[in-house]
Amino acid sequence: MSTPLLDRTAATSVPVLDVLAQRWSPRAFEMATPIDENKLVAALEAARWSPSASNTQPWRFIVARRGTDLHVKIDEALMGFNREWAGTAQVLIVALSEDADAEGNPRPWAQYDLGQAVAHLSVQAHADGLYVHQMGGVDRESLRALPGVEDRFTPTSVIALGALGDPSTLSEKLQQRESTPRVRRSLAETVIASA
């Protein structure tokens, strides 16, 4: 079965890099094939090399491939309509911020830096033909029970990652969301001051 190609390129006010304009967050993921491990590692490597305050690198990831118990546990921690589609992703990744160092000193910038790491991950994945959909609708307490999650780590979001699937496999409601035009507020509304 061939996956239908959707043109989801953003209508930007000025030209931006193609990988940024073409990046979007689908809900339909390919179910038939496993993840390309080289592309997955490249996405994680891009996250590893993202900038951080004082090079503290306050991000951690839990990576679960579909078909594993860990993938099931992460899928069960999803809330709302995320449960309808995200489990089909080839990989689910828990994104955690290290909000304090090992001595308990706070890192108030940790979630910002985690966001940069996830942005790098998503751009690299898209450049390699994979798709990323980030979700904040998660049961964070359930994610705290996953292996390796120490007290200083805060589960922030879950990332569905994989190859684009066929949107016709989704419910009618989700199919509509897949085909709705992408919109953002204007640049003038986003930049609140400029001199």
C-alpha atoms as a PDB file:
ATOM      1  CA  MET A   1       0.000   0.000   0.000  1.00  0.00           C
ATOM      2  CA  SER A   2       1.426   3.382  -0.924  1.00  0.00           C
ATOM      3  CA  THR A   3       1.028   6.268   1.486  1.00  0.00           C
ATOM      4  CA  PRO A   4      -0.798   9.242  -0.017  1.00  0.00           C
ATOM      5  CA  LEU A   5       1.397  12.320  -0.153  1.00  0.00           C
ATOM      6  CA  LEU A   6      -0.128  15.314   1.562  1.00  0.00           C
ATOM      7  CA  ASP A   7       1.200  18.761   0.771  1.00  0.00           C
ATOM      8  CA  ARG A   8       1.283  20.350   4.216  1.00  0.00           C
ATOM      9  CA  THR A   9       3.895  23.012   3.386  1.00  0.00           C
ATOM     10  CA  ALA A  10       3.391  26.120   5.514  1.00  0.00           C
ATOM     11  CA  ALA A  11       2.448  29.376   3.782  1.00  0.00           C
ATOM     12  CA  THR A  12       5.192  31.482   5.366  1.00  0.00           C
ATOM     13  CA  SER A  13       5.365  35.288   5.150  1.00  0.00           C
ATOM     14  CA  VAL A  14       8.961  35.040   3.881  1.00  0.00           C
ATOM     15  CA  PRO A  15      10.938  32.025   2.657  1.00  0.00           C
ATOM     16  CA  VAL A  16      12.314  29.695   5.338  1.00  0.00           C
ATOM     17  CA  LEU A  17      14.259  26.455   5.044  1.00  0.00           C
ATOM     18  CA  ASP A  18      12.220  23.811   3.217  1.00  0.00           C
ATOM     19  CA  VAL A  19      12.639  21.348   6.101  1.00  0.00           C
ATOM     20  CA  LEU A  20      10.976  23.878   8.430  1.00  0.00           C
ATOM     21  CA  ALA A  21       8.161  24.858   6.065  1.00  0.00           C
ATOM     22  CA  GLN A  22       7.361  21.235   5.245  1.00  0.00           C
ATOM     23  CA  ARG A  23       7.525  19.878   8.812  1.00  0.00           C
ATOM     24  CA  TRP A  24       4.130  19.041  10.295  1.00  0.00           C
ATOM     25  CA  SER A  25       2.691  16.742  12.955  1.00  0.00           C
ATOM     26  CA  PRO A  26       0.660  13.863  11.512  1.00  0.00           C
ATOM     27  CA  ARG A  27      -1.412  11.340  13.425  1.00  0.00           C
ATOM     28  CA  ALA A  28      -1.196   8.536  10.862  1.00  0.00           C
ATOM     29  CA  PHE A  29       1.966   6.443  11.091  1.00  0.00           C
ATOM     30  CA  GLU A  30       3.156   3.509   9.002  1.00  0.00           C
ATOM     31  CA  MET A  31       2.369   0.232  10.757  1.00  0.00           C
ATOM     32  CA  ALA A  32       3.924  -2.339   8.429  1.00  0.00           C
ATOM     33  CA  THR A  33       7.648  -1.713   8.814  1.00  0.00           C
ATOM     34  CA  PRO A  34       9.948  -1.184  11.792  1.00  0.00           C
ATOM     35  CA  ILE A  35      11.719   2.112  12.322  1.00  0.00           C
ATOM     36  CA  ASP A  36      14.866   2.831  10.342  1.00  0.00           C
ATOM     37  CA  GLU A  37      17.364   2.655  13.212  1.00  0.00           C
ATOM     38  CA  ASN A  38      19.919   4.904  11.502  1.00  0.00           C
ATOM     39  CA  LYS A  39      17.329   7.655  11.094  1.00  0.00           C
ATOM     40  CA  LEU A  40      16.172   7.251  14.696  1.00  0.00           C
ATOM     41  CA  VAL A  41      19.751   7.509  15.984  1.00  0.00           C
ATOM     42  CA  ALA A  42      20.358  10.556  13.764  1.00  0.00           C
ATOM     43  CA  ALA A  43      17.325  12.303  15.294  1.00  0.00           C
ATOM     44  CA  LEU A  44      18.545  11.526  18.809  1.00  0.00           C
ATOM     45  CA  GLU A  45      22.061  12.654  17.861  1.00  0.00           C
ATOM     46  CA  ALA A  46      20.661  15.969  16.608  1.00  0.00           C
ATOM     47  CA  ALA A  47      18.955  16.410  19.977  1.00  0.00           C
ATOM     48  CA  ARG A  48      22.205  15.591  21.765  1.00  0.00           C
ATOM     49  CA  TRP A  49      24.015  18.391  19.927  1.00  0.00           C
ATOM     50  CA  SER A  50      21.421  21.100  20.537  1.00  0.00           C
ATOM     51  CA  PRO A  51      22.507  24.150  22.573  1.00  0.00           C
ATOM     52  CA  SER A  52      21.962  24.409  26.318  1.00  0.00           C
ATOM     53  CA  ALA A  53      22.702  26.902  29.092  1.00  0.00           C
ATOM     54  CA  SER A  54      26.256  26.365  30.380  1.00  0.00           C
ATOM     55  CA  ASN A  55      26.302  23.128  28.349  1.00  0.00           C
ATOM     56  CA  THR A  56      24.271  21.425  31.091  1.00  0.00           C
ATOM     57  CA  GLN A  57      22.325  19.336  28.546  1.00  0.00           C
ATOM     58  CA  PRO A  58      19.303  18.991  30.866  1.00  0.00           C
ATOM     59  CA  TRP A  59      17.352  16.619  28.638  1.00  0.00           C
ATOM     60  CA  ARG A  60      16.844  12.896  28.766  1.00  0.00           C
ATOM     61  CA  PHE A  61      14.827  10.582  26.542  1.00  0.00           C
ATOM     62  CA  ILE A  62      13.188   7.212  26.972  1.00  0.00           C
ATOM     63  CA  VAL A  63      12.913   5.540  23.565  1.00  0.00           C
ATOM     64  CA  ALA A  64      10.375   2.755  23.024  1.00  0.00           C
ATOM     65  CA  ARG A  65       9.900   0.874  19.778  1.00  0.00           C
ATOM     66  CA  ARG A  66       6.462  -0.429  18.824  1.00  0.00           C
ATOM     67  CA  GLY A  67       5.995  -4.039  19.906  1.00  0.00           C
ATOM     68  CA  THR A  68       7.841  -3.630  23.223  1.00  0.00           C
ATOM     69  CA  ASP A  69       6.380  -3.535  26.731  1.00  0.00           C
ATOM     70  CA  LEU A  70       7.905  -0.076  27.173  1.00  0.00           C
ATOM     71  CA  HIS A  71       5.976   1.217  24.129  1.00  0.00           C
ATOM     72  CA  VAL A  72       2.757  -0.174  25.628  1.00  0.00           C
ATOM     73  CA  LYS A  73       3.437   1.492  28.999  1.00  0.00           C
ATOM     74  CA  ILE A  74       4.053   4.859  27.369  1.00  0.00           C
ATOM     75  CA  ASP A  75       0.977   4.488  25.172  1.00  0.00           C
ATOM     76  CA  GLU A  76      -1.094   3.749  28.301  1.00  0.00           C
ATOM     77  CA  ALA A  77       0.150   7.022  29.839  1.00  0.00           C
ATOM     78  CA  LEU A  78      -1.294   9.055  26.959  1.00  0.00           C
ATOM     79  CA  MET A  79      -4.501  10.924  27.638  1.00  0.00           C
ATOM     80  CA  GLY A  80      -7.546  11.915  25.612  1.00  0.00           C
ATOM     81  CA  PHE A  81      -7.666  11.395  21.893  1.00  0.00           C
ATOM     82  CA  ASN A  82      -3.890  10.799  21.785  1.00  0.00           C
ATOM     83  CA  ARG A  83      -4.777   7.222  22.779  1.00  0.00           C
ATOM     84  CA  GLU A  84      -6.683   6.834  19.485  1.00  0.00           C
ATOM     85  CA  TRP A  85      -3.660   7.189  17.230  1.00  0.00           C
ATOM     86  CA  ALA A  86      -0.259   7.556  18.917  1.00  0.00           C
ATOM     87  CA  GLY A  87       0.230   3.861  19.665  1.00  0.00           C
ATOM     88  CA  THR A  88       0.578   3.231  15.936  1.00  0.00           C
ATOM     89  CA  ALA A  89       3.796   5.260  15.803  1.00  0.00           C
ATOM     90  CA  GLN A  90       6.887   3.180  15.252  1.00  0.00           C
ATOM     91  CA  VAL A  91       8.529   4.849  18.248  1.00  0.00           C
ATOM     92  CA  LEU A  92       7.266   6.663  21.337  1.00  0.00           C
ATOM     93  CA  ILE A  93       9.783   8.882  23.102  1.00  0.00           C
ATOM     94  CA  VAL A  94       9.346  10.365  26.563  1.00  0.00           C
ATOM     95  CA  ALA A  95      11.042  13.762  26.798  1.00  0.00           C
ATOM     96  CA  LEU A  96      12.280  14.604  30.297  1.00  0.00           C
ATOM     97  CA  SER A  97      13.894  17.729  31.679  1.00  0.00           C
ATOM     98  CA  GLU A  98      16.510  17.614  34.419  1.00  0.00           C
ATOM     99  CA  ASP A  99      15.140  20.457  36.532  1.00  0.00           C
ATOM    100  CA  ALA A 100      17.847  20.103  39.186  1.00  0.00           C
ATOM    101  CA  ASP A 101      21.371  18.749  39.085  1.00  0.00           C
ATOM    102  CA  ALA A 102      22.526  15.718  41.080  1.00  0.00           C
ATOM    103  CA  GLU A 103      23.143  17.973  44.118  1.00  0.00           C
ATOM    104  CA  GLY A 104      19.621  19.425  43.970  1.00  0.00           C
ATOM    105  CA  ASN A 105      20.574  22.823  42.521  1.00  0.00           C
ATOM    106  CA  PRO A 106      17.673  24.113  40.391  1.00  0.00           C
ATOM    107  CA  ARG A 107      17.966  24.514  36.627  1.00  0.00           C
ATOM    108  CA  PRO A 108      15.189  26.983  35.744  1.00  0.00           C
ATOM    109  CA  TRP A 109      16.145  26.828  32.039  1.00  0.00           C
ATOM    110  CA  ALA A 110      15.865  23.028  31.771  1.00  0.00           C
ATOM    111  CA  GLN A 111      12.492  22.863  30.023  1.00  0.00           C
ATOM    112  CA  TYR A 112      13.547  25.564  27.560  1.00  0.00           C
ATOM    113  CA  ASP A 113      16.659  23.571  26.689  1.00  0.00           C
ATOM    114  CA  LEU A 114      14.628  20.366  26.420  1.00  0.00           C
ATOM    115  CA  GLY A 115      12.407  22.173  23.919  1.00  0.00           C
ATOM    116  CA  GLN A 116      15.458  23.078  21.849  1.00  0.00           C
ATOM    117  CA  ALA A 117      16.626  19.465  21.895  1.00  0.00           C
ATOM    118  CA  VAL A 118      13.204  18.226  20.753  1.00  0.00           C
ATOM    119  CA  ALA A 119      13.142  20.875  18.010  1.00  0.00           C
ATOM    120  CA  HIS A 120      16.500  19.643  16.733  1.00  0.00           C
ATOM    121  CA  LEU A 121      15.221  16.050  16.910  1.00  0.00           C
ATOM    122  CA  SER A 122      12.076  16.922  14.938  1.00  0.00           C
ATOM    123  CA  VAL A 123      13.920  18.839  12.210  1.00  0.00           C
ATOM    124  CA  GLN A 124      16.494  16.053  11.741  1.00  0.00           C
ATOM    125  CA  ALA A 125      13.760  13.413  11.669  1.00  0.00           C
ATOM    126  CA  HIS A 126      11.807  15.375   9.058  1.00  0.00           C
ATOM    127  CA  ALA A 127      14.935  15.929   6.946  1.00  0.00           C
ATOM    128  CA  ASP A 128      15.360  12.133   6.954  1.00  0.00           C
ATOM    129  CA  GLY A 129      11.758  11.449   5.925  1.00  0.00           C
ATOM    130  CA  LEU A 130      10.360  10.667   9.376  1.00  0.00           C
ATOM    131  CA  TYR A 131       7.571  12.511  11.141  1.00  0.00           C
ATOM    132  CA  VAL A 132       7.202  13.711  14.719  1.00  0.00           C
ATOM    133  CA  HIS A 133       4.081  14.572  16.683  1.00  0.00           C
ATOM    134  CA  GLN A 134       4.596  15.995  20.176  1.00  0.00           C
ATOM    135  CA  MET A 135       1.958  15.492  22.872  1.00  0.00           C
ATOM    136  CA  GLY A 136       1.459  17.266  26.170  1.00  0.00           C
ATOM    137  CA  GLY A 137      -1.662  15.258  27.028  1.00  0.00           C
ATOM    138  CA  VAL A 138       0.098  12.633  29.122  1.00  0.00           C
ATOM    139  CA  ASP A 139      -0.160  11.228  32.635  1.00  0.00           C
ATOM    140  CA  ARG A 140       3.172  12.434  33.986  1.00  0.00           C
ATOM    141  CA  GLU A 141       2.923  10.388  37.166  1.00  0.00           C
ATOM    142  CA  SER A 142       2.672   7.182  35.120  1.00  0.00           C
ATOM    143  CA  LEU A 143       5.732   8.252  33.149  1.00  0.00           C
ATOM    144  CA  ARG A 144       7.640   8.817  36.418  1.00  0.00           C
ATOM    145  CA  ALA A 145       7.333   5.057  37.055  1.00  0.00           C
ATOM    146  CA  LEU A 146       9.252   4.171  33.868  1.00  0.00           C
ATOM    147  CA  PRO A 147      12.783   2.745  34.099  1.00  0.00           C
ATOM    148  CA  GLY A 148      15.546   5.281  34.726  1.00  0.00           C
ATOM    149  CA  VAL A 149      13.324   8.189  35.758  1.00  0.00           C
ATOM    150  CA  GLU A 150      15.055   9.660  38.796  1.00  0.00           C
ATOM    151  CA  ASP A 151      13.415  12.299  41.019  1.00  0.00           C
ATOM    152  CA  ARG A 152      15.377  15.113  39.397  1.00  0.00           C
ATOM    153  CA  PHE A 153      13.809  14.334  35.990  1.00  0.00           C
ATOM    154  CA  THR A 154      10.430  15.787  35.004  1.00  0.00           C
ATOM    155  CA  PRO A 155       8.458  13.988  32.286  1.00  0.00           C
ATOM    156  CA  THR A 156       7.357  16.826  30.009  1.00  0.00           C
ATOM    157  CA  SER A 157       5.918  15.325  26.839  1.00  0.00           C
ATOM    158  CA  VAL A 158       5.732  12.256  24.635  1.00  0.00           C
ATOM    159  CA  ILE A 159       6.861  12.248  21.028  1.00  0.00           C
ATOM    160  CA  ALA A 160       5.359   9.930  18.409  1.00  0.00           C
ATOM    161  CA  LEU A 161       7.962   9.294  15.714  1.00  0.00           C
ATOM    162  CA  GLY A 162       7.840   7.239  12.554  1.00  0.00           C
ATOM    163  CA  ALA A 163       7.164   7.036   8.859  1.00  0.00           C
ATOM    164  CA  LEU A 164       4.047   8.721   7.519  1.00  0.00           C
ATOM    165  CA  GLY A 165       1.052   6.425   7.341  1.00  0.00           C
ATOM    166  CA  ASP A 166      -2.242   6.394   5.488  1.00  0.00           C
ATOM    167  CA  PRO A 167      -4.694   8.917   6.992  1.00  0.00           C
ATOM    168  CA  SER A 168      -7.638   6.759   5.889  1.00  0.00           C
ATOM    169  CA  THR A 169      -6.771   4.396   8.761  1.00  0.00           C
ATOM    170  CA  LEU A 170      -7.780   7.118  11.239  1.00  0.00           C
ATOM    171  CA  SER A 171     -11.250   7.887  12.557  1.00  0.00           C
ATOM    172  CA  GLU A 172     -13.278  10.358  10.509  1.00  0.00           C
ATOM    173  CA  LYS A 173     -12.662  13.093  13.083  1.00  0.00           C
ATOM    174  CA  LEU A 174      -8.894  12.586  12.947  1.00  0.00           C
ATOM    175  CA  GLN A 175      -8.921  12.368   9.144  1.00  0.00           C
ATOM    176  CA  GLN A 176     -10.460  15.837   9.103  1.00  0.00           C
ATOM    177  CA  ARG A 177      -7.723  17.138  11.402  1.00  0.00           C
ATOM    178  CA  GLU A 178      -5.083  15.660   9.087  1.00  0.00           C
ATOM    179  CA  SER A 179      -6.425  17.575   6.098  1.00  0.00           C
ATOM    180  CA  THR A 180      -7.271  20.883   7.798  1.00  0.00           C
ATOM    181  CA  PRO A 181      -5.058  23.735   6.551  1.00  0.00           C
ATOM    182  CA  ARG A 182      -2.139  24.606   8.808  1.00  0.00           C
ATOM    183  CA  VAL A 183      -2.525  27.982  10.469  1.00  0.00           C
ATOM    184  CA  ARG A 184      -0.472  30.167  12.781  1.00  0.00           C
ATOM    185  CA  ARG A 185      -1.060  33.629  14.173  1.00  0.00           C
ATOM    186  CA  SER A 186       0.634  36.339  12.150  1.00  0.00           C
ATOM    187  CA  LEU A 187       4.264  37.286  12.652  1.00  0.00           C
ATOM    188  CA  ALA A 188       3.119  40.762  13.744  1.00  0.00           C
ATOM    189  CA  GLU A 189       1.092  39.163  16.566  1.00  0.00           C
ATOM    190  CA  THR A 190       4.011  36.921  17.534  1.00  0.00           C
ATOM    191  CA  VAL A 191       6.666  39.633  17.818  1.00  0.00           C
ATOM    192  CA  ILE A 192       5.314  41.855  20.589  1.00  0.00           C
ATOM    193  CA  ALA A 193       8.142  44.435  20.432  1.00  0.00           C
ATOM    194  CA  SER A 194      10.836  45.215  17.895  1.00  0.00           C
ATOM    195  CA  ALA A 195      13.188  48.215  17.611  1.00  0.00           C
END
